[in-house]
Amino acid sequence: MEPKILPDGDHDLRRCQYVTEKVLSAVYKTLSDHHIYLEGTLLKPNMVTPGHACTQNFPHEEIAMAIVTVLCHTVPPMVPGITVLSGALSEEEASISLNAINKCPLLKSWAMTCSCRPLP
């Protein structure tokens, strides 16, 4: 599944976190309503980041905490893996973000990786 929140706009990190949590909650409610076997699914969500036009900078650790918090609140523990979209970050920035996600002290019940696509 690949629900994503576009990084267009000037929204801050908290707004993206809020909207991403609402979207993922709706996705998992719908999957549950339709009796989908979650152990056979993978999630490919957006990176929780401020909008491209946001002037405020956030450290990687804060972004990682926002992402993992959203996932902990919404993704059932039986989901085997999550591949976070890079959000058009460079390979280096996406790697730094994934490293911060993996170091985040919140308990994660799924394997996590990052899907990077080359920038144009």
PDB file of N, CA and C in Angstrom:
ATOM      1  N   MET A   1       0.859  -1.164   0.000  1.00  0.00           N
ATOM      2  CA  MET A   1       0.000   0.000   0.000  1.00  0.00           C
ATOM      3  C   MET A   1       0.899   1.219   0.000  1.00  0.00           C
ATOM      4  N   GLU A   2       0.501   2.225  -0.763  1.00  0.00           N
ATOM      5  CA  GLU A   2       1.349   3.408  -0.874  1.00  0.00           C
ATOM      6  C   GLU A   2       0.533   4.697  -0.725  1.00  0.00           C
ATOM      7  N   PRO A   3      -0.075   4.905   0.452  1.00  0.00           N
ATOM      8  CA  PRO A   3      -0.739   6.201   0.663  1.00  0.00           C
ATOM      9  C   PRO A   3       0.328   7.251   0.950  1.00  0.00           C
ATOM     10  N   LYS A   4       0.165   8.429   0.425  1.00  0.00           N
ATOM     11  CA  LYS A   4       1.178   9.444   0.717  1.00  0.00           C
ATOM     12  C   LYS A   4       0.587  10.842   0.750  1.00  0.00           C
ATOM     13  N   ILE A   5       1.228  11.674   1.541  1.00  0.00           N
ATOM     14  CA  ILE A   5       0.892  13.083   1.660  1.00  0.00           C
ATOM     15  C   ILE A   5       1.948  13.836   0.855  1.00  0.00           C
ATOM     16  N   LEU A   6       1.514  14.651  -0.073  1.00  0.00           N
ATOM     17  CA  LEU A   6       2.465  15.372  -0.918  1.00  0.00           C
ATOM     18  C   LEU A   6       3.199  16.443  -0.109  1.00  0.00           C
ATOM     19  N   PRO A   7       4.488  16.649  -0.402  1.00  0.00           N
ATOM     20  CA  PRO A   7       5.271  17.643   0.328  1.00  0.00           C
ATOM     21  C   PRO A   7       5.111  19.062  -0.206  1.00  0.00           C
ATOM     22  N   ASP A   8       4.152  19.290  -1.093  1.00  0.00           N
ATOM     23  CA  ASP A   8       3.919  20.631  -1.637  1.00  0.00           C
ATOM     24  C   ASP A   8       3.330  21.522  -0.543  1.00  0.00           C
ATOM     25  N   GLY A   9       3.701  22.777  -0.551  1.00  0.00           N
ATOM     26  CA  GLY A   9       3.100  23.718   0.378  1.00  0.00           C
ATOM     27  C   GLY A   9       4.046  24.166   1.473  1.00  0.00           C
ATOM     28  N   ASP A  10       3.506  24.972   2.374  1.00  0.00           N
ATOM     29  CA  ASP A  10       4.330  25.557   3.438  1.00  0.00           C
ATOM     30  C   ASP A  10       3.973  25.008   4.814  1.00  0.00           C
ATOM     31  N   HIS A  11       3.310  23.849   4.850  1.00  0.00           N
ATOM     32  CA  HIS A  11       2.919  23.267   6.139  1.00  0.00           C
ATOM     33  C   HIS A  11       4.161  22.863   6.946  1.00  0.00           C
ATOM     34  N   ASP A  12       4.008  22.871   8.263  1.00  0.00           N
ATOM     35  CA  ASP A  12       5.140  22.502   9.121  1.00  0.00           C
ATOM     36  C   ASP A  12       5.115  21.001   9.413  1.00  0.00           C
ATOM     37  N   LEU A  13       6.077  20.547  10.176  1.00  0.00           N
ATOM     38  CA  LEU A  13       6.221  19.129  10.488  1.00  0.00           C
ATOM     39  C   LEU A  13       4.986  18.587  11.214  1.00  0.00           C
ATOM     40  N   ARG A  14       4.461  19.334  12.179  1.00  0.00           N
ATOM     41  CA  ARG A  14       3.311  18.876  12.964  1.00  0.00           C
ATOM     42  C   ARG A  14       2.077  18.675  12.087  1.00  0.00           C
ATOM     43  N   ARG A  15       1.880  19.564  11.114  1.00  0.00           N
ATOM     44  CA  ARG A  15       0.719  19.430  10.216  1.00  0.00           C
ATOM     45  C   ARG A  15       0.840  18.154   9.388  1.00  0.00           C
ATOM     46  N   CYS A  16       2.024  17.889   8.840  1.00  0.00           N
ATOM     47  CA  CYS A  16       2.229  16.672   8.060  1.00  0.00           C
ATOM     48  C   CYS A  16       2.038  15.447   8.947  1.00  0.00           C
ATOM     49  N   GLN A  17       2.519  15.506  10.170  1.00  0.00           N
ATOM     50  CA  GLN A  17       2.359  14.390  11.108  1.00  0.00           C
ATOM     51  C   GLN A  17       0.877  14.133  11.352  1.00  0.00           C
ATOM     52  N   TYR A  18       0.117  15.178  11.596  1.00  0.00           N
ATOM     53  CA  TYR A  18      -1.323  15.061  11.871  1.00  0.00           C
ATOM     54  C   TYR A  18      -2.059  14.455  10.674  1.00  0.00           C
ATOM     55  N   VAL A  19      -1.801  14.994   9.486  1.00  0.00           N
ATOM     56  CA  VAL A  19      -2.504  14.530   8.294  1.00  0.00           C
ATOM     57  C   VAL A  19      -2.100  13.099   7.949  1.00  0.00           C
ATOM     58  N   THR A  20      -0.818  12.777   8.058  1.00  0.00           N
ATOM     59  CA  THR A  20      -0.359  11.420   7.775  1.00  0.00           C
ATOM     60  C   THR A  20      -1.018  10.425   8.722  1.00  0.00           C
ATOM     61  N   GLU A  21      -1.127  10.791   9.994  1.00  0.00           N
ATOM     62  CA  GLU A  21      -1.772   9.904  10.962  1.00  0.00           C
ATOM     63  C   GLU A  21      -3.246   9.690  10.623  1.00  0.00           C
ATOM     64  N   LYS A  22      -3.934  10.737  10.212  1.00  0.00           N
ATOM     65  CA  LYS A  22      -5.349  10.603   9.824  1.00  0.00           C
ATOM     66  C   LYS A  22      -5.493   9.678   8.615  1.00  0.00           C
ATOM     67  N   VAL A  23      -4.628   9.851   7.618  1.00  0.00           N
ATOM     68  CA  VAL A  23      -4.706   9.037   6.408  1.00  0.00           C
ATOM     69  C   VAL A  23      -4.413   7.568   6.724  1.00  0.00           C
ATOM     70  N   LEU A  24      -3.324   7.304   7.461  1.00  0.00           N
ATOM     71  CA  LEU A  24      -2.979   5.917   7.775  1.00  0.00           C
ATOM     72  C   LEU A  24      -4.034   5.258   8.660  1.00  0.00           C
ATOM     73  N   SER A  25      -4.623   6.013   9.563  1.00  0.00           N
ATOM     74  CA  SER A  25      -5.715   5.467  10.385  1.00  0.00           C
ATOM     75  C   SER A  25      -6.882   5.042   9.510  1.00  0.00           C
ATOM     76  N   ALA A  26      -7.230   5.862   8.539  1.00  0.00           N
ATOM     77  CA  ALA A  26      -8.331   5.535   7.629  1.00  0.00           C
ATOM     78  C   ALA A  26      -7.989   4.315   6.774  1.00  0.00           C
ATOM     79  N   VAL A  27      -6.744   4.224   6.316  1.00  0.00           N
ATOM     80  CA  VAL A  27      -6.309   3.083   5.511  1.00  0.00           C
ATOM     81  C   VAL A  27      -6.461   1.787   6.307  1.00  0.00           C
ATOM     82  N   TYR A  28      -5.932   1.778   7.532  1.00  0.00           N
ATOM     83  CA  TYR A  28      -5.995   0.550   8.322  1.00  0.00           C
ATOM     84  C   TYR A  28      -7.402   0.223   8.798  1.00  0.00           C
ATOM     85  N   LYS A  29      -8.247   1.209   8.992  1.00  0.00           N
ATOM     86  CA  LYS A  29      -9.653   0.936   9.317  1.00  0.00           C
ATOM     87  C   LYS A  29     -10.326   0.259   8.136  1.00  0.00           C
ATOM     88  N   THR A  30     -10.086   0.781   6.949  1.00  0.00           N
ATOM     89  CA  THR A  30     -10.681   0.202   5.744  1.00  0.00           C
ATOM     90  C   THR A  30     -10.183  -1.223   5.513  1.00  0.00           C
ATOM     91  N   LEU A  31      -8.879  -1.442   5.698  1.00  0.00           N
ATOM     92  CA  LEU A  31      -8.336  -2.790   5.538  1.00  0.00           C
ATOM     93  C   LEU A  31      -8.975  -3.757   6.539  1.00  0.00           C
ATOM     94  N   SER A  32      -9.144  -3.295   7.757  1.00  0.00           N
ATOM     95  CA  SER A  32      -9.778  -4.119   8.779  1.00  0.00           C
ATOM     96  C   SER A  32     -11.231  -4.407   8.423  1.00  0.00           C
ATOM     97  N   ASP A  33     -11.953  -3.386   7.967  1.00  0.00           N
ATOM     98  CA  ASP A  33     -13.357  -3.555   7.581  1.00  0.00           C
ATOM     99  C   ASP A  33     -13.521  -4.606   6.482  1.00  0.00           C
ATOM    100  N   HIS A  34     -12.498  -4.738   5.630  1.00  0.00           N
ATOM    101  CA  HIS A  34     -12.556  -5.678   4.506  1.00  0.00           C
ATOM    102  C   HIS A  34     -11.803  -6.976   4.792  1.00  0.00           C
ATOM    103  N   HIS A  35     -11.397  -7.153   6.054  1.00  0.00           N
ATOM    104  CA  HIS A  35     -10.751  -8.395   6.498  1.00  0.00           C
ATOM    105  C   HIS A  35      -9.505  -8.744   5.685  1.00  0.00           C
ATOM    106  N   ILE A  36      -8.685  -7.738   5.431  1.00  0.00           N
ATOM    107  CA  ILE A  36      -7.441  -7.943   4.689  1.00  0.00           C
ATOM    108  C   ILE A  36      -6.419  -8.601   5.620  1.00  0.00           C
ATOM    109  N   TYR A  37      -5.691  -9.576   5.103  1.00  0.00           N
ATOM    110  CA  TYR A  37      -4.663 -10.301   5.852  1.00  0.00           C
ATOM    111  C   TYR A  37      -3.421  -9.399   5.953  1.00  0.00           C
ATOM    112  N   LEU A  38      -3.296  -8.680   7.056  1.00  0.00           N
ATOM    113  CA  LEU A  38      -2.247  -7.669   7.210  1.00  0.00           C
ATOM    114  C   LEU A  38      -0.846  -8.267   7.232  1.00  0.00           C
ATOM    115  N   GLU A  39      -0.725  -9.522   7.653  1.00  0.00           N
ATOM    116  CA  GLU A  39       0.586 -10.166   7.670  1.00  0.00           C
ATOM    117  C   GLU A  39       1.163 -10.329   6.261  1.00  0.00           C
ATOM    118  N   GLY A  40       0.329 -10.190   5.256  1.00  0.00           N
ATOM    119  CA  GLY A  40       0.762 -10.300   3.871  1.00  0.00           C
ATOM    120  C   GLY A  40       0.888  -8.963   3.174  1.00  0.00           C
ATOM    121  N   THR A  41       0.939  -7.887   3.944  1.00  0.00           N
ATOM    122  CA  THR A  41       1.025  -6.551   3.345  1.00  0.00           C
ATOM    123  C   THR A  41       2.330  -5.864   3.723  1.00  0.00           C
ATOM    124  N   LEU A  42       2.685  -4.881   2.935  1.00  0.00           N
ATOM    125  CA  LEU A  42       3.779  -3.958   3.248  1.00  0.00           C
ATOM    126  C   LEU A  42       3.230  -2.546   3.106  1.00  0.00           C
ATOM    127  N   LEU A  43       3.741  -1.646   3.907  1.00  0.00           N
ATOM    128  CA  LEU A  43       3.322  -0.248   3.851  1.00  0.00           C
ATOM    129  C   LEU A  43       4.458   0.585   3.272  1.00  0.00           C
ATOM    130  N   LYS A  44       4.104   1.493   2.360  1.00  0.00           N
ATOM    131  CA  LYS A  44       5.093   2.394   1.762  1.00  0.00           C
ATOM    132  C   LYS A  44       4.576   3.832   1.934  1.00  0.00           C
ATOM    133  N   PRO A  45       4.712   4.384   3.161  1.00  0.00           N
ATOM    134  CA  PRO A  45       4.160   5.720   3.431  1.00  0.00           C
ATOM    135  C   PRO A  45       5.146   6.826   3.072  1.00  0.00           C
ATOM    136  N   ASN A  46       4.619   8.027   3.075  1.00  0.00           N
ATOM    137  CA  ASN A  46       5.471   9.200   2.875  1.00  0.00           C
ATOM    138  C   ASN A  46       6.362   9.432   4.092  1.00  0.00           C
ATOM    139  N   MET A  47       7.472  10.121   3.862  1.00  0.00           N
ATOM    140  CA  MET A  47       8.318  10.600   4.950  1.00  0.00           C
ATOM    141  C   MET A  47       7.547  11.767   5.582  1.00  0.00           C
ATOM    142  N   VAL A  48       7.437  11.801   6.882  1.00  0.00           N
ATOM    143  CA  VAL A  48       6.752  12.908   7.557  1.00  0.00           C
ATOM    144  C   VAL A  48       7.742  14.071   7.623  1.00  0.00           C
ATOM    145  N   THR A  49       7.509  15.049   6.765  1.00  0.00           N
ATOM    146  CA  THR A  49       8.418  16.204   6.666  1.00  0.00           C
ATOM    147  C   THR A  49       7.607  17.485   6.512  1.00  0.00           C
ATOM    148  N   PRO A  50       8.221  18.620   6.801  1.00  0.00           N
ATOM    149  CA  PRO A  50       7.530  19.876   6.508  1.00  0.00           C
ATOM    150  C   PRO A  50       7.413  20.045   4.995  1.00  0.00           C
ATOM    151  N   GLY A  51       6.492  20.903   4.570  1.00  0.00           N
ATOM    152  CA  GLY A  51       6.327  21.177   3.148  1.00  0.00           C
ATOM    153  C   GLY A  51       7.569  21.825   2.559  1.00  0.00           C
ATOM    154  N   HIS A  52       7.736  21.673   1.253  1.00  0.00           N
ATOM    155  CA  HIS A  52       8.916  22.227   0.580  1.00  0.00           C
ATOM    156  C   HIS A  52       9.052  23.737   0.777  1.00  0.00           C
ATOM    157  N   ALA A  53       7.929  24.437   0.938  1.00  0.00           N
ATOM    158  CA  ALA A  53       7.970  25.889   1.100  1.00  0.00           C
ATOM    159  C   ALA A  53       8.035  26.325   2.568  1.00  0.00           C
ATOM    160  N   CYS A  54       8.095  25.377   3.491  1.00  0.00           N
ATOM    161  CA  CYS A  54       8.186  25.718   4.914  1.00  0.00           C
ATOM    162  C   CYS A  54       9.567  26.314   5.196  1.00  0.00           C
ATOM    163  N   THR A  55       9.598  27.410   5.899  1.00  0.00           N
ATOM    164  CA  THR A  55      10.871  28.088   6.183  1.00  0.00           C
ATOM    165  C   THR A  55      11.549  27.579   7.449  1.00  0.00           C
ATOM    166  N   GLN A  56      10.832  26.821   8.242  1.00  0.00           N
ATOM    167  CA  GLN A  56      11.395  26.305   9.494  1.00  0.00           C
ATOM    168  C   GLN A  56      12.158  25.008   9.229  1.00  0.00           C
ATOM    169  N   ASN A  57      13.348  24.886   9.803  1.00  0.00           N
ATOM    170  CA  ASN A  57      14.143  23.665   9.678  1.00  0.00           C
ATOM    171  C   ASN A  57      13.912  22.776  10.894  1.00  0.00           C
ATOM    172  N   PHE A  58      13.900  21.469  10.657  1.00  0.00           N
ATOM    173  CA  PHE A  58      13.715  20.501  11.724  1.00  0.00           C
ATOM    174  C   PHE A  58      14.873  19.517  11.692  1.00  0.00           C
ATOM    175  N   PRO A  59      15.451  19.187  12.823  1.00  0.00           N
ATOM    176  CA  PRO A  59      16.546  18.209  12.845  1.00  0.00           C
ATOM    177  C   PRO A  59      16.044  16.819  12.450  1.00  0.00           C
ATOM    178  N   HIS A  60      16.941  16.003  11.916  1.00  0.00           N
ATOM    179  CA  HIS A  60      16.592  14.653  11.484  1.00  0.00           C
ATOM    180  C   HIS A  60      15.970  13.848  12.619  1.00  0.00           C
ATOM    181  N   GLU A  61      16.446  14.035  13.837  1.00  0.00           N
ATOM    182  CA  GLU A  61      15.924  13.287  14.980  1.00  0.00           C
ATOM    183  C   GLU A  61      14.459  13.637  15.250  1.00  0.00           C
ATOM    184  N   GLU A  62      14.092  14.891  15.057  1.00  0.00           N
ATOM    185  CA  GLU A  62      12.701  15.306  15.274  1.00  0.00           C
ATOM    186  C   GLU A  62      11.798  14.746  14.169  1.00  0.00           C
ATOM    187  N   ILE A  63      12.292  14.753  12.946  1.00  0.00           N
ATOM    188  CA  ILE A  63      11.546  14.170  11.833  1.00  0.00           C
ATOM    189  C   ILE A  63      11.374  12.672  12.063  1.00  0.00           C
ATOM    190  N   ALA A  64      12.440  12.008  12.486  1.00  0.00           N
ATOM    191  CA  ALA A  64      12.369  10.567  12.760  1.00  0.00           C
ATOM    192  C   ALA A  64      11.344  10.278  13.856  1.00  0.00           C
ATOM    193  N   MET A  65      11.344  11.061  14.903  1.00  0.00           N
ATOM    194  CA  MET A  65      10.389  10.868  15.994  1.00  0.00           C
ATOM    195  C   MET A  65       8.959  11.061  15.482  1.00  0.00           C
ATOM    196  N   ALA A  66       8.742  12.038  14.603  1.00  0.00           N
ATOM    197  CA  ALA A  66       7.407  12.276  14.043  1.00  0.00           C
ATOM    198  C   ALA A  66       6.951  11.078  13.213  1.00  0.00           C
ATOM    199  N   ILE A  67       7.846  10.538  12.383  1.00  0.00           N
ATOM    200  CA  ILE A  67       7.500   9.396  11.537  1.00  0.00           C
ATOM    201  C   ILE A  67       7.172   8.183  12.392  1.00  0.00           C
ATOM    202  N   VAL A  68       8.055   7.854  13.316  1.00  0.00           N
ATOM    203  CA  VAL A  68       7.865   6.647  14.127  1.00  0.00           C
ATOM    204  C   VAL A  68       6.627   6.787  15.015  1.00  0.00           C
ATOM    205  N   THR A  69       6.369   7.977  15.522  1.00  0.00           N
ATOM    206  CA  THR A  69       5.168   8.209  16.334  1.00  0.00           C
ATOM    207  C   THR A  69       3.916   7.926  15.516  1.00  0.00           C
ATOM    208  N   VAL A  70       3.860   8.454  14.298  1.00  0.00           N
ATOM    209  CA  VAL A  70       2.711   8.202  13.427  1.00  0.00           C
ATOM    210  C   VAL A  70       2.548   6.703  13.188  1.00  0.00           C
ATOM    211  N   LEU A  71       3.645   6.036  12.871  1.00  0.00           N
ATOM    212  CA  LEU A  71       3.570   4.601  12.582  1.00  0.00           C
ATOM    213  C   LEU A  71       3.136   3.804  13.806  1.00  0.00           C
ATOM    214  N   CYS A  72       3.651   4.160  14.973  1.00  0.00           N
ATOM    215  CA  CYS A  72       3.256   3.470  16.205  1.00  0.00           C
ATOM    216  C   CYS A  72       1.771   3.661  16.505  1.00  0.00           C
ATOM    217  N   HIS A  73       1.239   4.826  16.173  1.00  0.00           N
ATOM    218  CA  HIS A  73      -0.169   5.117  16.435  1.00  0.00           C
ATOM    219  C   HIS A  73      -1.106   4.449  15.438  1.00  0.00           C
ATOM    220  N   THR A  74      -0.605   4.062  14.266  1.00  0.00           N
ATOM    221  CA  THR A  74      -1.518   3.642  13.205  1.00  0.00           C
ATOM    222  C   THR A  74      -1.276   2.250  12.630  1.00  0.00           C
ATOM    223  N   VAL A  75      -0.031   1.787  12.593  1.00  0.00           N
ATOM    224  CA  VAL A  75       0.283   0.539  11.895  1.00  0.00           C
ATOM    225  C   VAL A  75       0.205  -0.636  12.868  1.00  0.00           C
ATOM    226  N   PRO A  76      -0.656  -1.607  12.574  1.00  0.00           N
ATOM    227  CA  PRO A  76      -0.755  -2.767  13.449  1.00  0.00           C
ATOM    228  C   PRO A  76       0.570  -3.536  13.500  1.00  0.00           C
ATOM    229  N   PRO A  77       0.886  -4.138  14.635  1.00  0.00           N
ATOM    230  CA  PRO A  77       2.181  -4.816  14.791  1.00  0.00           C
ATOM    231  C   PRO A  77       2.364  -6.032  13.888  1.00  0.00           C
ATOM    232  N   MET A  78       1.279  -6.582  13.349  1.00  0.00           N
ATOM    233  CA  MET A  78       1.435  -7.762  12.480  1.00  0.00           C
ATOM    234  C   MET A  78       1.886  -7.403  11.072  1.00  0.00           C
ATOM    235  N   VAL A  79       1.908  -6.102  10.724  1.00  0.00           N
ATOM    236  CA  VAL A  79       2.442  -5.684   9.421  1.00  0.00           C
ATOM    237  C   VAL A  79       3.944  -5.960   9.452  1.00  0.00           C
ATOM    238  N   PRO A  80       4.463  -6.760   8.503  1.00  0.00           N
ATOM    239  CA  PRO A  80       5.861  -7.181   8.595  1.00  0.00           C
ATOM    240  C   PRO A  80       6.897  -6.117   8.251  1.00  0.00           C
ATOM    241  N   GLY A  81       6.546  -5.161   7.394  1.00  0.00           N
ATOM    242  CA  GLY A  81       7.573  -4.212   6.989  1.00  0.00           C
ATOM    243  C   GLY A  81       7.023  -2.907   6.485  1.00  0.00           C
ATOM    244  N   ILE A  82       7.866  -1.882   6.614  1.00  0.00           N
ATOM    245  CA  ILE A  82       7.528  -0.533   6.161  1.00  0.00           C
ATOM    246  C   ILE A  82       8.700  -0.019   5.346  1.00  0.00           C
ATOM    247  N   THR A  83       8.394   0.500   4.156  1.00  0.00           N
ATOM    248  CA  THR A  83       9.394   1.124   3.297  1.00  0.00           C
ATOM    249  C   THR A  83       9.008   2.586   3.159  1.00  0.00           C
ATOM    250  N   VAL A  84       9.681   3.456   3.885  1.00  0.00           N
ATOM    251  CA  VAL A  84       9.343   4.878   3.891  1.00  0.00           C
ATOM    252  C   VAL A  84       9.821   5.507   2.586  1.00  0.00           C
ATOM    253  N   LEU A  85       8.928   6.239   1.915  1.00  0.00           N
ATOM    254  CA  LEU A  85       9.306   6.949   0.696  1.00  0.00           C
ATOM    255  C   LEU A  85      10.267   8.083   1.037  1.00  0.00           C
ATOM    256  N   SER A  86      11.202   8.331   0.159  1.00  0.00           N
ATOM    257  CA  SER A  86      12.222   9.349   0.428  1.00  0.00           C
ATOM    258  C   SER A  86      11.685  10.769   0.362  1.00  0.00           C
ATOM    259  N   GLY A  87      10.528  10.960  -0.254  1.00  0.00           N
ATOM    260  CA  GLY A  87       9.964  12.303  -0.323  1.00  0.00           C
ATOM    261  C   GLY A  87      10.786  13.248  -1.162  1.00  0.00           C
ATOM    262  N   ALA A  88      11.421  12.738  -2.199  1.00  0.00           N
ATOM    263  CA  ALA A  88      12.274  13.512  -3.106  1.00  0.00           C
ATOM    264  C   ALA A  88      13.531  14.038  -2.412  1.00  0.00           C
ATOM    265  N   LEU A  89      13.892  13.410  -1.287  1.00  0.00           N
ATOM    266  CA  LEU A  89      15.162  13.751  -0.647  1.00  0.00           C
ATOM    267  C   LEU A  89      16.288  13.139  -1.471  1.00  0.00           C
ATOM    268  N   SER A  90      17.462  13.708  -1.353  1.00  0.00           N
ATOM    269  CA  SER A  90      18.616  13.098  -2.004  1.00  0.00           C
ATOM    270  C   SER A  90      18.883  11.759  -1.337  1.00  0.00           C
ATOM    271  N   GLU A  91      19.668  10.902  -2.000  1.00  0.00           N
ATOM    272  CA  GLU A  91      20.008   9.608  -1.410  1.00  0.00           C
ATOM    273  C   GLU A  91      20.674   9.793  -0.050  1.00  0.00           C
ATOM    274  N   GLU A  92      21.552  10.785   0.045  1.00  0.00           N
ATOM    275  CA  GLU A  92      22.263  11.043   1.304  1.00  0.00           C
ATOM    276  C   GLU A  92      21.298  11.491   2.396  1.00  0.00           C
ATOM    277  N   GLU A  93      20.410  12.433   2.076  1.00  0.00           N
ATOM    278  CA  GLU A  93      19.440  12.911   3.065  1.00  0.00           C
ATOM    279  C   GLU A  93      18.489  11.795   3.488  1.00  0.00           C
ATOM    280  N   ALA A  94      18.050  10.993   2.537  1.00  0.00           N
ATOM    281  CA  ALA A  94      17.162   9.874   2.866  1.00  0.00           C
ATOM    282  C   ALA A  94      17.875   8.867   3.760  1.00  0.00           C
ATOM    283  N   SER A  95      19.153   8.612   3.487  1.00  0.00           N
ATOM    284  CA  SER A  95      19.930   7.684   4.323  1.00  0.00           C
ATOM    285  C   SER A  95      20.097   8.218   5.733  1.00  0.00           C
ATOM    286  N   ILE A  96      20.355   9.514   5.850  1.00  0.00           N
ATOM    287  CA  ILE A  96      20.490  10.144   7.167  1.00  0.00           C
ATOM    288  C   ILE A  96      19.161  10.048   7.923  1.00  0.00           C
ATOM    289  N   SER A  97      18.067  10.291   7.213  1.00  0.00           N
ATOM    290  CA  SER A  97      16.745  10.194   7.844  1.00  0.00           C
ATOM    291  C   SER A  97      16.442   8.768   8.285  1.00  0.00           C
ATOM    292  N   LEU A  98      16.743   7.783   7.426  1.00  0.00           N
ATOM    293  CA  LEU A  98      16.508   6.388   7.795  1.00  0.00           C
ATOM    294  C   LEU A  98      17.358   5.994   9.000  1.00  0.00           C
ATOM    295  N   ASN A  99      18.589   6.458   9.042  1.00  0.00           N
ATOM    296  CA  ASN A  99      19.457   6.184  10.196  1.00  0.00           C
ATOM    297  C   ASN A  99      18.828   6.760  11.472  1.00  0.00           C
ATOM    298  N   ALA A 100      18.311   7.980  11.386  1.00  0.00           N
ATOM    299  CA  ALA A 100      17.655   8.594  12.549  1.00  0.00           C
ATOM    300  C   ALA A 100      16.398   7.817  12.940  1.00  0.00           C
ATOM    301  N   ILE A 101      15.652   7.319  11.950  1.00  0.00           N
ATOM    302  CA  ILE A 101      14.462   6.506  12.231  1.00  0.00           C
ATOM    303  C   ILE A 101      14.868   5.238  12.965  1.00  0.00           C
ATOM    304  N   ASN A 102      15.894   4.576  12.479  1.00  0.00           N
ATOM    305  CA  ASN A 102      16.339   3.331  13.107  1.00  0.00           C
ATOM    306  C   ASN A 102      16.895   3.553  14.514  1.00  0.00           C
ATOM    307  N   LYS A 103      17.437   4.740  14.782  1.00  0.00           N
ATOM    308  CA  LYS A 103      17.956   5.057  16.121  1.00  0.00           C
ATOM    309  C   LYS A 103      16.879   5.578  17.064  1.00  0.00           C
ATOM    310  N   CYS A 104      15.696   5.878  16.539  1.00  0.00           N
ATOM    311  CA  CYS A 104      14.610   6.419  17.358  1.00  0.00           C
ATOM    312  C   CYS A 104      14.299   5.426  18.479  1.00  0.00           C
ATOM    313  N   PRO A 105      14.196   5.907  19.722  1.00  0.00           N
ATOM    314  CA  PRO A 105      14.020   4.999  20.856  1.00  0.00           C
ATOM    315  C   PRO A 105      12.630   4.373  20.981  1.00  0.00           C
ATOM    316  N   LEU A 106      11.668   4.813  20.194  1.00  0.00           N
ATOM    317  CA  LEU A 106      10.331   4.222  20.280  1.00  0.00           C
ATOM    318  C   LEU A 106      10.355   2.798  19.740  1.00  0.00           C
ATOM    319  N   LEU A 107       9.564   1.929  20.345  1.00  0.00           N
ATOM    320  CA  LEU A 107       9.506   0.523  19.955  1.00  0.00           C
ATOM    321  C   LEU A 107       8.878   0.392  18.567  1.00  0.00           C
ATOM    322  N   LYS A 108       9.563  -0.325  17.683  1.00  0.00           N
ATOM    323  CA  LYS A 108       9.076  -0.558  16.327  1.00  0.00           C
ATOM    324  C   LYS A 108       8.908  -2.064  16.153  1.00  0.00           C
ATOM    325  N   SER A 109       7.717  -2.496  15.783  1.00  0.00           N
ATOM    326  CA  SER A 109       7.461  -3.932  15.650  1.00  0.00           C
ATOM    327  C   SER A 109       7.650  -4.426  14.221  1.00  0.00           C
ATOM    328  N   TRP A 110       8.039  -3.562  13.296  1.00  0.00           N
ATOM    329  CA  TRP A 110       8.173  -3.936  11.896  1.00  0.00           C
ATOM    330  C   TRP A 110       9.586  -3.633  11.428  1.00  0.00           C
ATOM    331  N   ALA A 111      10.011  -4.343  10.381  1.00  0.00           N
ATOM    332  CA  ALA A 111      11.283  -4.017   9.729  1.00  0.00           C
ATOM    333  C   ALA A 111      11.067  -2.726   8.940  1.00  0.00           C
ATOM    334  N   MET A 112      12.096  -1.873   8.909  1.00  0.00           N
ATOM    335  CA  MET A 112      11.957  -0.599   8.200  1.00  0.00           C
ATOM    336  C   MET A 112      13.124  -0.378   7.257  1.00  0.00           C
ATOM    337  N   THR A 113      12.794   0.213   6.108  1.00  0.00           N
ATOM    338  CA  THR A 113      13.807   0.629   5.152  1.00  0.00           C
ATOM    339  C   THR A 113      13.287   1.876   4.456  1.00  0.00           C
ATOM    340  N   CYS A 114      14.057   2.357   3.501  1.00  0.00           N
ATOM    341  CA  CYS A 114      13.691   3.596   2.792  1.00  0.00           C
ATOM    342  C   CYS A 114      13.722   3.354   1.293  1.00  0.00           C
ATOM    343  N   SER A 115      12.794   3.914   0.578  1.00  0.00           N
ATOM    344  CA  SER A 115      12.745   3.825  -0.876  1.00  0.00           C
ATOM    345  C   SER A 115      13.212   5.160  -1.433  1.00  0.00           C
ATOM    346  N   CYS A 116      14.372   5.159  -2.051  1.00  0.00           N
ATOM    347  CA  CYS A 116      14.936   6.392  -2.605  1.00  0.00           C
ATOM    348  C   CYS A 116      14.809   6.371  -4.116  1.00  0.00           C
ATOM    349  N   ARG A 117      14.425   7.494  -4.662  1.00  0.00           N
ATOM    350  CA  ARG A 117      14.428   7.615  -6.121  1.00  0.00           C
ATOM    351  C   ARG A 117      15.381   8.739  -6.467  1.00  0.00           C
ATOM    352  N   PRO A 118      16.115   8.594  -7.563  1.00  0.00           N
ATOM    353  CA  PRO A 118      17.079   9.629  -7.932  1.00  0.00           C
ATOM    354  C   PRO A 118      16.385  10.948  -8.209  1.00  0.00           C
ATOM    355  N   LEU A 119      17.019  12.027  -7.815  1.00  0.00           N
ATOM    356  CA  LEU A 119      16.490  13.356  -8.124  1.00  0.00           C
ATOM    357  C   LEU A 119      16.775  13.666  -9.583  1.00  0.00           C
ATOM    358  N   PRO A 120      15.888  14.434 -10.242  1.00  0.00           N
ATOM    359  CA  PRO A 120      16.107  14.758 -11.662  1.00  0.00           C
ATOM    360  C   PRO A 120      17.317  15.635 -11.860  1.00  0.00           C
TER     361      PRO A 120
END
